[in-house]
Amino acid sequence: MLTLLTIIGARPQMIKAAALSRAIEQKYADQVREIIVHTGQHYDANMSDIFFQELQIPTPQYNLHVGSGTHGKQTGQMLEKIEVILLEEKPDVVLVYGDTNSTIAGALAASKLHIKIAHVEAGLRSFNKKMPEEINRILTDHCADFLFVPAQNALQNLQNEGIEAGKITVCGDIMYDTSLHYAQIAEQQSRILPALQLQPKQYVLATIHRAENTDVPERLKNIVEALRQIAEKHRVVLPIHPRTRKYLQNYNINIEQHPNITLTDPVGYLDMVSLEKNALLILTDSGGVQKEAFFYDVPCVTLRDETEWTELVDLGWNTLASPTDTPTDTTKIVQTALHYIQNTPAKVASPYGKGNTAEIILETLVTRYI
């Protein structure tokens, strides 16, 4: 039997882990033993605990309770604690998702103990090494023994970096699995639209959480000003990340008084799916939300200088609108948003597989070890 130790710590990783755990339970229960380690990178109950409940993820056998901190402190604490678990459990493979500090800590701990590493969402590149996530992606890919690639662009990136072809599997996007599974459940169970008095396709959804936006006053002010201008014509809904709320207060940026902007606390996954599916447009700096917008046929404006999901830009469903420190960038955000509202892109085939990514990952690992 394959012993698979899965490391998660942030909301998107919990969503991806749900698909893998469900596939193990349904098809690989007699071949795979999964051990889940939750680093505690997201420690807010509304952003962590509720996802385990809603997504029916098995309770993690380990919770490291690392919490927030500087990159070095957070990653160092994870590395130390994960190493202890690996020495005790002796897994065949350590599986990590995405590009967070939990990802790189798990990869480094496993690498130094000569344990095989599987990286889900391998090959993504923003080509901006000022982003901590970019460093995490590159290092994890070059540590990994199994690189599970979501789309052709990511495959090309790995080939350009000289990664051995035998390590790479183009498997599709595991978030697509999850989105297909939970879309109907969200429609049946979520009550977020009536609770906020929203009508489908009558509002714009926004999310802001990345440090390059929240920690820079000019960028955050430009985003808020863009939301204010959009709200003159369309209702805006903003589930507000704790980090964003803190910096809005620190910079004395007032958004709560606008009559057509609705702020909410972080919402559960099913409520977020419902908000995304029914939005007229999404503005976000989240990598996961960019993809979910595409899965639900909602155009997206990405509030960043670059994106790792370049195929969405190529397909016309995503446009970059950088919130830098000049008024013209606010104007670009607003103009791009209004253009999308008036001109929905044509439907295209998904570049992210058929919704069976978790099965491909597990079949690849099981074939190797059993």
Protein backbone atom coordinates (compact mmCIF):
# COMPACT_ATOMS: atom_id res chain seq x y z
CA MET A 1 0.00 0.00 0.00
CA LEU A 2 1.18 3.50 -0.87
CA THR A 3 1.55 5.81 2.12
CA LEU A 4 0.87 9.33 0.85
CA LEU A 5 1.52 12.27 3.14
CA THR A 6 -0.38 15.35 1.94
CA ILE A 7 0.57 18.82 3.16
CA ILE A 8 -1.97 21.63 3.11
CA GLY A 9 -2.11 25.02 4.78
CA ALA A 10 -4.03 27.55 2.70
CA ARG A 11 -7.60 27.69 1.39
CA PRO A 12 -6.83 26.70 -2.24
CA GLN A 13 -4.86 23.68 -1.04
CA MET A 14 -7.81 22.52 1.05
CA ILE A 15 -10.04 22.74 -2.02
CA LYS A 16 -7.61 20.69 -4.09
CA ALA A 17 -7.11 18.17 -1.29
CA ALA A 18 -10.87 17.54 -1.21
CA ALA A 19 -10.77 16.13 -4.74
CA LEU A 20 -7.82 13.87 -4.00
CA SER A 21 -9.24 12.57 -0.71
CA ARG A 22 -12.59 11.88 -2.39
CA ALA A 23 -10.88 9.91 -5.19
CA ILE A 24 -8.91 7.87 -2.64
CA GLU A 25 -12.08 7.02 -0.73
CA GLN A 26 -14.04 6.09 -3.85
CA LYS A 27 -11.46 4.20 -5.92
CA TYR A 28 -8.14 3.74 -4.11
CA ALA A 29 -9.01 3.02 -0.48
CA ASP A 30 -7.35 -0.40 -0.61
CA GLN A 31 -4.22 0.94 -2.32
CA VAL A 32 -3.50 4.33 -0.74
CA ARG A 33 -3.22 5.41 2.88
CA GLU A 34 -3.41 9.19 3.10
CA ILE A 35 -1.96 11.16 6.00
CA ILE A 36 -2.98 14.83 6.00
CA VAL A 37 -0.79 17.47 7.64
CA HIS A 38 -2.35 20.90 8.09
CA THR A 39 0.36 23.49 8.71
CA GLY A 40 -2.09 26.07 10.05
CA GLN A 41 -0.85 28.70 7.59
CA HIS A 42 -4.45 29.96 7.43
CA TYR A 43 -5.63 29.89 11.02
CA ASP A 44 -8.81 31.95 10.84
CA ALA A 45 -11.79 29.63 11.44
CA ASN A 46 -13.79 31.26 8.63
CA MET A 47 -10.93 30.62 6.21
CA SER A 48 -9.80 27.19 7.34
CA ASP A 49 -12.00 25.08 9.62
CA ILE A 50 -15.16 25.68 7.62
CA PHE A 51 -13.52 24.29 4.49
CA PHE A 52 -12.89 20.93 6.15
CA GLN A 53 -16.55 20.80 7.16
CA GLU A 54 -18.05 21.86 3.84
CA LEU A 55 -15.70 19.93 1.58
CA GLN A 56 -15.83 16.83 3.78
CA ILE A 57 -12.06 16.57 3.89
CA PRO A 58 -10.87 13.96 6.40
CA THR A 59 -9.71 15.52 9.65
CA PRO A 60 -5.94 16.08 9.42
CA GLN A 61 -3.92 13.68 11.52
CA TYR A 62 -1.56 16.55 12.29
CA ASN A 63 -2.17 20.27 12.76
CA LEU A 64 1.01 22.30 13.20
CA HIS A 65 -0.71 25.57 14.25
CA VAL A 66 2.03 27.66 12.67
CA GLY A 67 -0.13 30.71 11.97
CA SER A 68 1.13 33.97 10.54
CA GLY A 69 4.63 35.45 10.57
CA THR A 70 7.43 36.49 8.25
CA HIS A 71 8.25 34.17 5.37
CA GLY A 72 11.41 32.95 7.08
CA LYS A 73 9.80 32.37 10.44
CA GLN A 74 6.72 30.68 9.02
CA THR A 75 8.64 28.44 6.61
CA GLY A 76 11.26 27.57 9.22
CA GLN A 77 8.70 26.49 11.78
CA MET A 78 6.92 24.37 9.21
CA LEU A 79 10.16 22.77 8.04
CA GLU A 80 11.11 21.81 11.58
CA LYS A 81 7.70 20.36 12.46
CA ILE A 82 7.15 18.55 9.15
CA GLU A 83 10.55 16.86 9.47
CA VAL A 84 9.54 15.32 12.80
CA ILE A 85 6.36 13.90 11.23
CA LEU A 86 8.21 12.49 8.23
CA LEU A 87 10.70 10.73 10.47
CA GLU A 88 7.84 9.18 12.41
CA GLU A 89 5.49 8.27 9.54
CA LYS A 90 8.07 7.36 6.87
CA PRO A 91 5.73 7.98 3.90
CA ASP A 92 6.49 6.77 0.39
CA VAL A 93 5.55 10.14 -1.13
CA VAL A 94 5.02 13.66 0.18
CA LEU A 95 2.42 15.48 -1.91
CA VAL A 96 2.33 19.29 -1.97
CA TYR A 97 0.05 21.71 -3.78
CA GLY A 98 0.66 25.05 -5.43
CA ASP A 99 3.12 27.68 -4.30
CA THR A 100 2.72 28.63 -0.63
CA ASN A 101 5.19 28.49 2.26
CA SER A 102 3.53 25.18 3.21
CA THR A 103 4.47 23.90 -0.26
CA ILE A 104 8.15 24.75 -0.11
CA ALA A 105 8.49 23.65 3.52
CA GLY A 106 7.05 20.24 2.70
CA ALA A 107 9.24 19.88 -0.39
CA LEU A 108 12.44 20.84 1.43
CA ALA A 109 11.75 18.60 4.42
CA ALA A 110 11.06 15.61 2.17
CA SER A 111 14.02 16.32 -0.11
CA LYS A 112 16.52 16.37 2.74
CA LEU A 113 15.18 13.05 4.03
CA HIS A 114 15.28 11.50 0.52
CA ILE A 115 11.50 11.01 0.40
CA LYS A 116 9.83 11.26 -3.01
CA ILE A 117 7.94 14.50 -3.70
CA ALA A 118 4.82 14.97 -5.81
CA HIS A 119 4.01 18.55 -6.82
CA VAL A 120 0.46 19.25 -7.97
CA GLU A 121 0.20 22.40 -10.13
CA ALA A 122 3.79 22.11 -11.29
CA GLY A 123 5.24 24.32 -14.01
CA LEU A 124 3.34 27.53 -13.33
CA ARG A 125 5.39 30.69 -13.82
CA SER A 126 4.60 34.38 -13.47
CA PHE A 127 8.24 35.23 -14.34
CA ASN A 128 8.32 37.69 -11.45
CA LYS A 129 10.84 36.57 -8.83
CA LYS A 130 9.84 39.39 -6.52
CA MET A 131 6.80 37.26 -5.71
CA PRO A 132 7.52 34.76 -2.91
CA GLU A 133 5.16 32.34 -4.64
CA GLU A 134 7.35 32.31 -7.75
CA ILE A 135 10.40 31.26 -5.74
CA ASN A 136 8.33 28.58 -4.01
CA ARG A 137 7.11 27.21 -7.36
CA ILE A 138 10.54 27.04 -8.96
CA LEU A 139 12.30 25.42 -6.00
CA THR A 140 9.51 22.90 -5.45
CA ASP A 141 9.53 21.87 -9.11
CA HIS A 142 13.27 21.30 -9.06
CA CYS A 143 12.99 19.21 -5.88
CA ALA A 144 10.05 17.13 -7.10
CA ASP A 145 10.10 13.58 -8.42
CA PHE A 146 6.54 13.73 -9.79
CA LEU A 147 5.43 16.95 -11.46
CA PHE A 148 1.70 17.06 -12.14
CA VAL A 149 1.08 19.76 -14.72
CA PRO A 150 -2.34 21.42 -15.23
CA ALA A 151 -1.97 22.69 -18.81
CA GLN A 152 0.34 22.88 -21.82
CA ASN A 153 1.85 26.26 -20.93
CA ALA A 154 3.10 24.83 -17.67
CA LEU A 155 4.59 21.84 -19.48
CA GLN A 156 6.50 24.19 -21.78
CA ASN A 157 7.89 26.07 -18.78
CA LEU A 158 9.29 22.87 -17.28
CA GLN A 159 10.78 21.80 -20.58
CA ASN A 160 12.46 25.19 -20.90
CA GLU A 161 14.03 24.69 -17.48
CA GLY A 162 15.41 21.27 -18.38
CA ILE A 163 13.19 19.19 -16.09
CA GLU A 164 13.46 15.50 -16.94
CA ALA A 165 10.52 14.48 -19.15
CA GLY A 166 9.93 11.24 -17.28
CA LYS A 167 9.02 13.15 -14.14
CA ILE A 168 6.25 15.17 -15.79
CA THR A 169 2.59 14.19 -16.15
CA VAL A 170 0.11 16.50 -17.87
CA CYS A 171 -2.99 15.68 -15.84
CA GLY A 172 -5.30 18.69 -16.00
CA ASP A 173 -6.26 20.96 -13.12
CA ILE A 174 -7.43 19.38 -9.89
CA MET A 175 -9.45 22.50 -9.09
CA TYR A 176 -11.55 21.71 -12.15
CA ASP A 177 -12.45 18.38 -10.51
CA THR A 178 -13.56 20.21 -7.39
CA SER A 179 -15.45 22.92 -9.23
CA LEU A 180 -17.48 20.39 -11.21
CA HIS A 181 -18.29 18.40 -8.08
CA TYR A 182 -19.34 21.28 -5.84
CA ALA A 183 -21.11 23.58 -8.30
CA GLN A 184 -24.45 21.81 -7.99
CA ILE A 185 -24.04 21.30 -4.24
CA ALA A 186 -23.45 25.02 -3.81
CA GLU A 187 -26.56 25.81 -5.83
CA GLN A 188 -28.62 23.62 -3.50
CA GLN A 189 -27.09 24.53 -0.16
CA SER A 190 -25.72 28.09 -0.33
CA ARG A 191 -27.96 30.89 0.94
CA ILE A 192 -25.46 33.69 0.38
CA LEU A 193 -27.36 35.41 -2.46
CA PRO A 194 -30.61 35.97 -0.54
CA ALA A 195 -28.65 36.79 2.61
CA LEU A 196 -26.92 39.65 0.77
CA GLN A 197 -30.01 40.49 -1.28
CA LEU A 198 -28.26 39.67 -4.56
CA GLN A 199 -29.73 38.69 -7.90
CA PRO A 200 -27.78 36.48 -10.36
CA LYS A 201 -25.71 38.45 -12.88
CA GLN A 202 -26.59 41.73 -11.16
CA TYR A 203 -23.33 42.28 -9.24
CA VAL A 204 -19.54 42.34 -9.58
CA LEU A 205 -17.50 40.15 -7.22
CA ALA A 206 -14.08 41.31 -5.98
CA THR A 207 -11.37 39.66 -3.88
CA ILE A 208 -8.09 41.23 -2.71
CA HIS A 209 -5.50 39.56 -0.53
CA ARG A 210 -2.01 39.49 -2.08
CA ALA A 211 0.75 41.34 -0.26
CA GLU A 212 1.79 43.29 -3.36
CA ASN A 213 -1.66 44.90 -3.32
CA THR A 214 -2.54 45.11 0.37
CA ASP A 215 0.87 46.20 1.65
CA VAL A 216 1.38 49.05 -0.83
CA PRO A 217 -0.89 52.03 -0.05
CA GLU A 218 -1.01 53.38 -3.60
CA ARG A 219 -2.02 50.04 -5.10
CA LEU A 220 -4.70 49.40 -2.50
CA LYS A 221 -6.06 52.93 -2.90
CA ASN A 222 -6.22 52.50 -6.68
CA ILE A 223 -8.12 49.23 -6.35
CA VAL A 224 -10.60 50.75 -3.93
CA GLU A 225 -11.08 53.78 -6.18
CA ALA A 226 -11.72 51.46 -9.14
CA LEU A 227 -14.31 49.55 -7.11
CA ARG A 228 -15.98 52.84 -6.17
CA GLN A 229 -16.20 53.87 -9.81
CA ILE A 230 -17.54 50.48 -10.91
CA ALA A 231 -20.08 50.68 -8.07
CA GLU A 232 -21.55 53.82 -9.61
CA LYS A 233 -23.12 51.54 -12.24
CA HIS A 234 -23.01 48.02 -10.77
CA ARG A 235 -23.26 46.63 -7.27
CA VAL A 236 -19.91 45.36 -5.95
CA VAL A 237 -19.53 42.54 -3.42
CA LEU A 238 -16.22 42.21 -1.55
CA PRO A 239 -15.66 39.28 0.86
CA ILE A 240 -12.85 40.90 2.80
CA HIS A 241 -9.71 39.02 3.76
CA PRO A 242 -8.40 39.77 7.29
CA ARG A 243 -5.15 41.03 5.79
CA THR A 244 -7.02 43.45 3.54
CA ARG A 245 -9.22 44.73 6.34
CA LYS A 246 -6.15 45.44 8.47
CA TYR A 247 -4.43 47.47 5.78
CA LEU A 248 -7.56 49.39 4.84
CA GLN A 249 -7.67 50.51 8.46
CA ASN A 250 -3.92 51.19 8.62
CA TYR A 251 -4.05 53.38 5.51
CA ASN A 252 -7.33 55.01 6.51
CA ILE A 253 -9.00 53.90 3.27
CA ASN A 254 -12.76 54.04 3.68
CA ILE A 255 -14.77 51.69 1.49
CA GLU A 256 -17.57 50.68 3.83
CA GLN A 257 -19.62 53.86 3.39
CA HIS A 258 -20.29 53.41 -0.33
CA PRO A 259 -23.98 52.53 -0.72
CA ASN A 260 -23.40 50.15 -3.65
CA ILE A 261 -20.42 48.22 -2.20
CA THR A 262 -21.20 45.29 0.09
CA LEU A 263 -18.42 44.07 2.38
CA THR A 264 -18.70 40.67 4.00
CA ASP A 265 -16.49 38.57 6.25
CA PRO A 266 -14.66 35.67 4.57
CA VAL A 267 -17.23 33.16 3.32
CA GLY A 268 -17.22 29.38 3.18
CA TYR A 269 -16.34 27.53 0.00
CA LEU A 270 -19.90 26.74 -1.08
CA ASP A 271 -20.92 30.37 -0.60
CA MET A 272 -17.88 31.50 -2.58
CA VAL A 273 -18.77 29.14 -5.41
CA SER A 274 -22.28 30.56 -5.46
CA LEU A 275 -20.96 34.13 -5.53
CA GLU A 276 -18.56 33.28 -8.36
CA LYS A 277 -21.07 31.36 -10.48
CA ASN A 278 -23.67 34.11 -10.32
CA ALA A 279 -21.38 37.13 -10.73
CA LEU A 280 -21.53 39.36 -13.77
CA LEU A 281 -17.75 39.87 -13.52
CA ILE A 282 -14.94 39.02 -11.11
CA LEU A 283 -12.01 41.25 -10.13
CA THR A 284 -9.33 39.41 -8.17
CA ASP A 285 -5.65 38.98 -7.37
CA SER A 286 -6.18 35.30 -6.51
CA GLY A 287 -4.82 32.60 -8.79
CA GLY A 288 -7.52 30.15 -7.77
CA VAL A 289 -10.37 32.59 -8.26
CA GLN A 290 -9.09 33.40 -11.77
CA LYS A 291 -9.55 29.77 -12.73
CA GLU A 292 -12.86 29.34 -10.94
CA ALA A 293 -14.19 32.36 -12.83
CA PHE A 294 -13.30 30.58 -16.08
CA PHE A 295 -14.84 27.30 -14.90
CA TYR A 296 -18.13 29.15 -14.29
CA ASP A 297 -18.03 31.18 -17.55
CA VAL A 298 -17.48 34.51 -15.77
CA PRO A 299 -14.96 37.00 -17.25
CA CYS A 300 -12.15 38.08 -14.91
CA VAL A 301 -10.00 41.17 -14.41
CA THR A 302 -6.79 40.21 -12.60
CA LEU A 303 -5.46 42.94 -10.33
CA ARG A 304 -1.82 42.05 -10.79
CA ASP A 305 1.17 42.84 -12.99
CA GLU A 306 1.28 39.26 -14.28
CA THR A 307 -0.49 35.93 -13.95
CA GLU A 308 0.70 32.33 -13.86
CA TRP A 309 -2.50 31.35 -15.73
CA THR A 310 -1.45 32.88 -19.03
CA GLU A 311 -3.69 30.60 -21.09
CA LEU A 312 -6.75 32.39 -19.65
CA VAL A 313 -5.40 35.69 -20.98
CA ASP A 314 -4.71 34.06 -24.36
CA LEU A 315 -8.29 32.75 -24.44
CA GLY A 316 -9.71 36.21 -23.74
CA TRP A 317 -11.40 35.33 -20.45
CA ASN A 318 -8.87 37.13 -18.28
CA THR A 319 -7.26 40.56 -18.58
CA LEU A 320 -4.41 41.95 -16.49
CA ALA A 321 -5.04 45.41 -15.08
CA SER A 322 -2.19 46.39 -12.77
CA PRO A 323 -3.13 48.64 -9.81
CA THR A 324 0.17 50.56 -9.73
CA ASP A 325 0.60 54.07 -8.39
CA THR A 326 -0.81 56.24 -11.20
CA PRO A 327 -4.44 57.28 -11.83
CA THR A 328 -4.34 55.83 -15.33
CA ASP A 329 -4.14 52.34 -13.84
CA THR A 330 -7.37 52.89 -11.94
CA THR A 331 -8.90 53.98 -15.22
CA LYS A 332 -7.67 50.81 -16.94
CA ILE A 333 -9.22 48.61 -14.26
CA VAL A 334 -12.56 50.37 -14.63
CA GLN A 335 -12.50 50.42 -18.43
CA THR A 336 -11.55 46.73 -18.62
CA ALA A 337 -14.29 45.80 -16.17
CA LEU A 338 -16.97 47.74 -18.02
CA HIS A 339 -15.82 46.31 -21.37
CA TYR A 340 -16.21 42.75 -20.06
CA ILE A 341 -19.65 43.53 -18.65
CA GLN A 342 -20.78 44.69 -22.08
CA ASN A 343 -18.87 42.05 -24.09
CA THR A 344 -18.84 38.54 -22.63
CA PRO A 345 -16.14 36.37 -24.29
CA ALA A 346 -17.11 33.47 -26.50
CA LYS A 347 -17.28 30.06 -24.84
CA VAL A 348 -14.16 27.93 -25.38
CA ALA A 349 -13.08 24.41 -24.50
CA SER A 350 -11.31 24.03 -21.16
CA PRO A 351 -7.51 23.66 -21.34
CA TYR A 352 -7.57 22.03 -17.89
CA GLY A 353 -8.55 18.46 -18.63
CA LYS A 354 -11.78 16.54 -18.18
CA GLY A 355 -12.34 16.78 -14.43
CA ASN A 356 -10.53 13.51 -13.62
CA THR A 357 -7.19 14.98 -12.53
CA ALA A 358 -7.21 13.38 -9.05
CA GLU A 359 -7.60 9.92 -10.59
CA ILE A 360 -4.70 10.52 -12.98
CA ILE A 361 -2.46 11.64 -10.10
CA LEU A 362 -3.33 8.65 -7.96
CA GLU A 363 -3.02 6.16 -10.82
CA THR A 364 0.44 7.53 -11.63
CA LEU A 365 1.62 7.18 -8.03
CA VAL A 366 0.01 3.81 -7.42
CA THR A 367 1.48 2.38 -10.62
CA ARG A 368 4.93 3.43 -9.40
CA TYR A 369 4.65 2.03 -5.89
CA ILE A 370 2.31 -0.96 -6.03
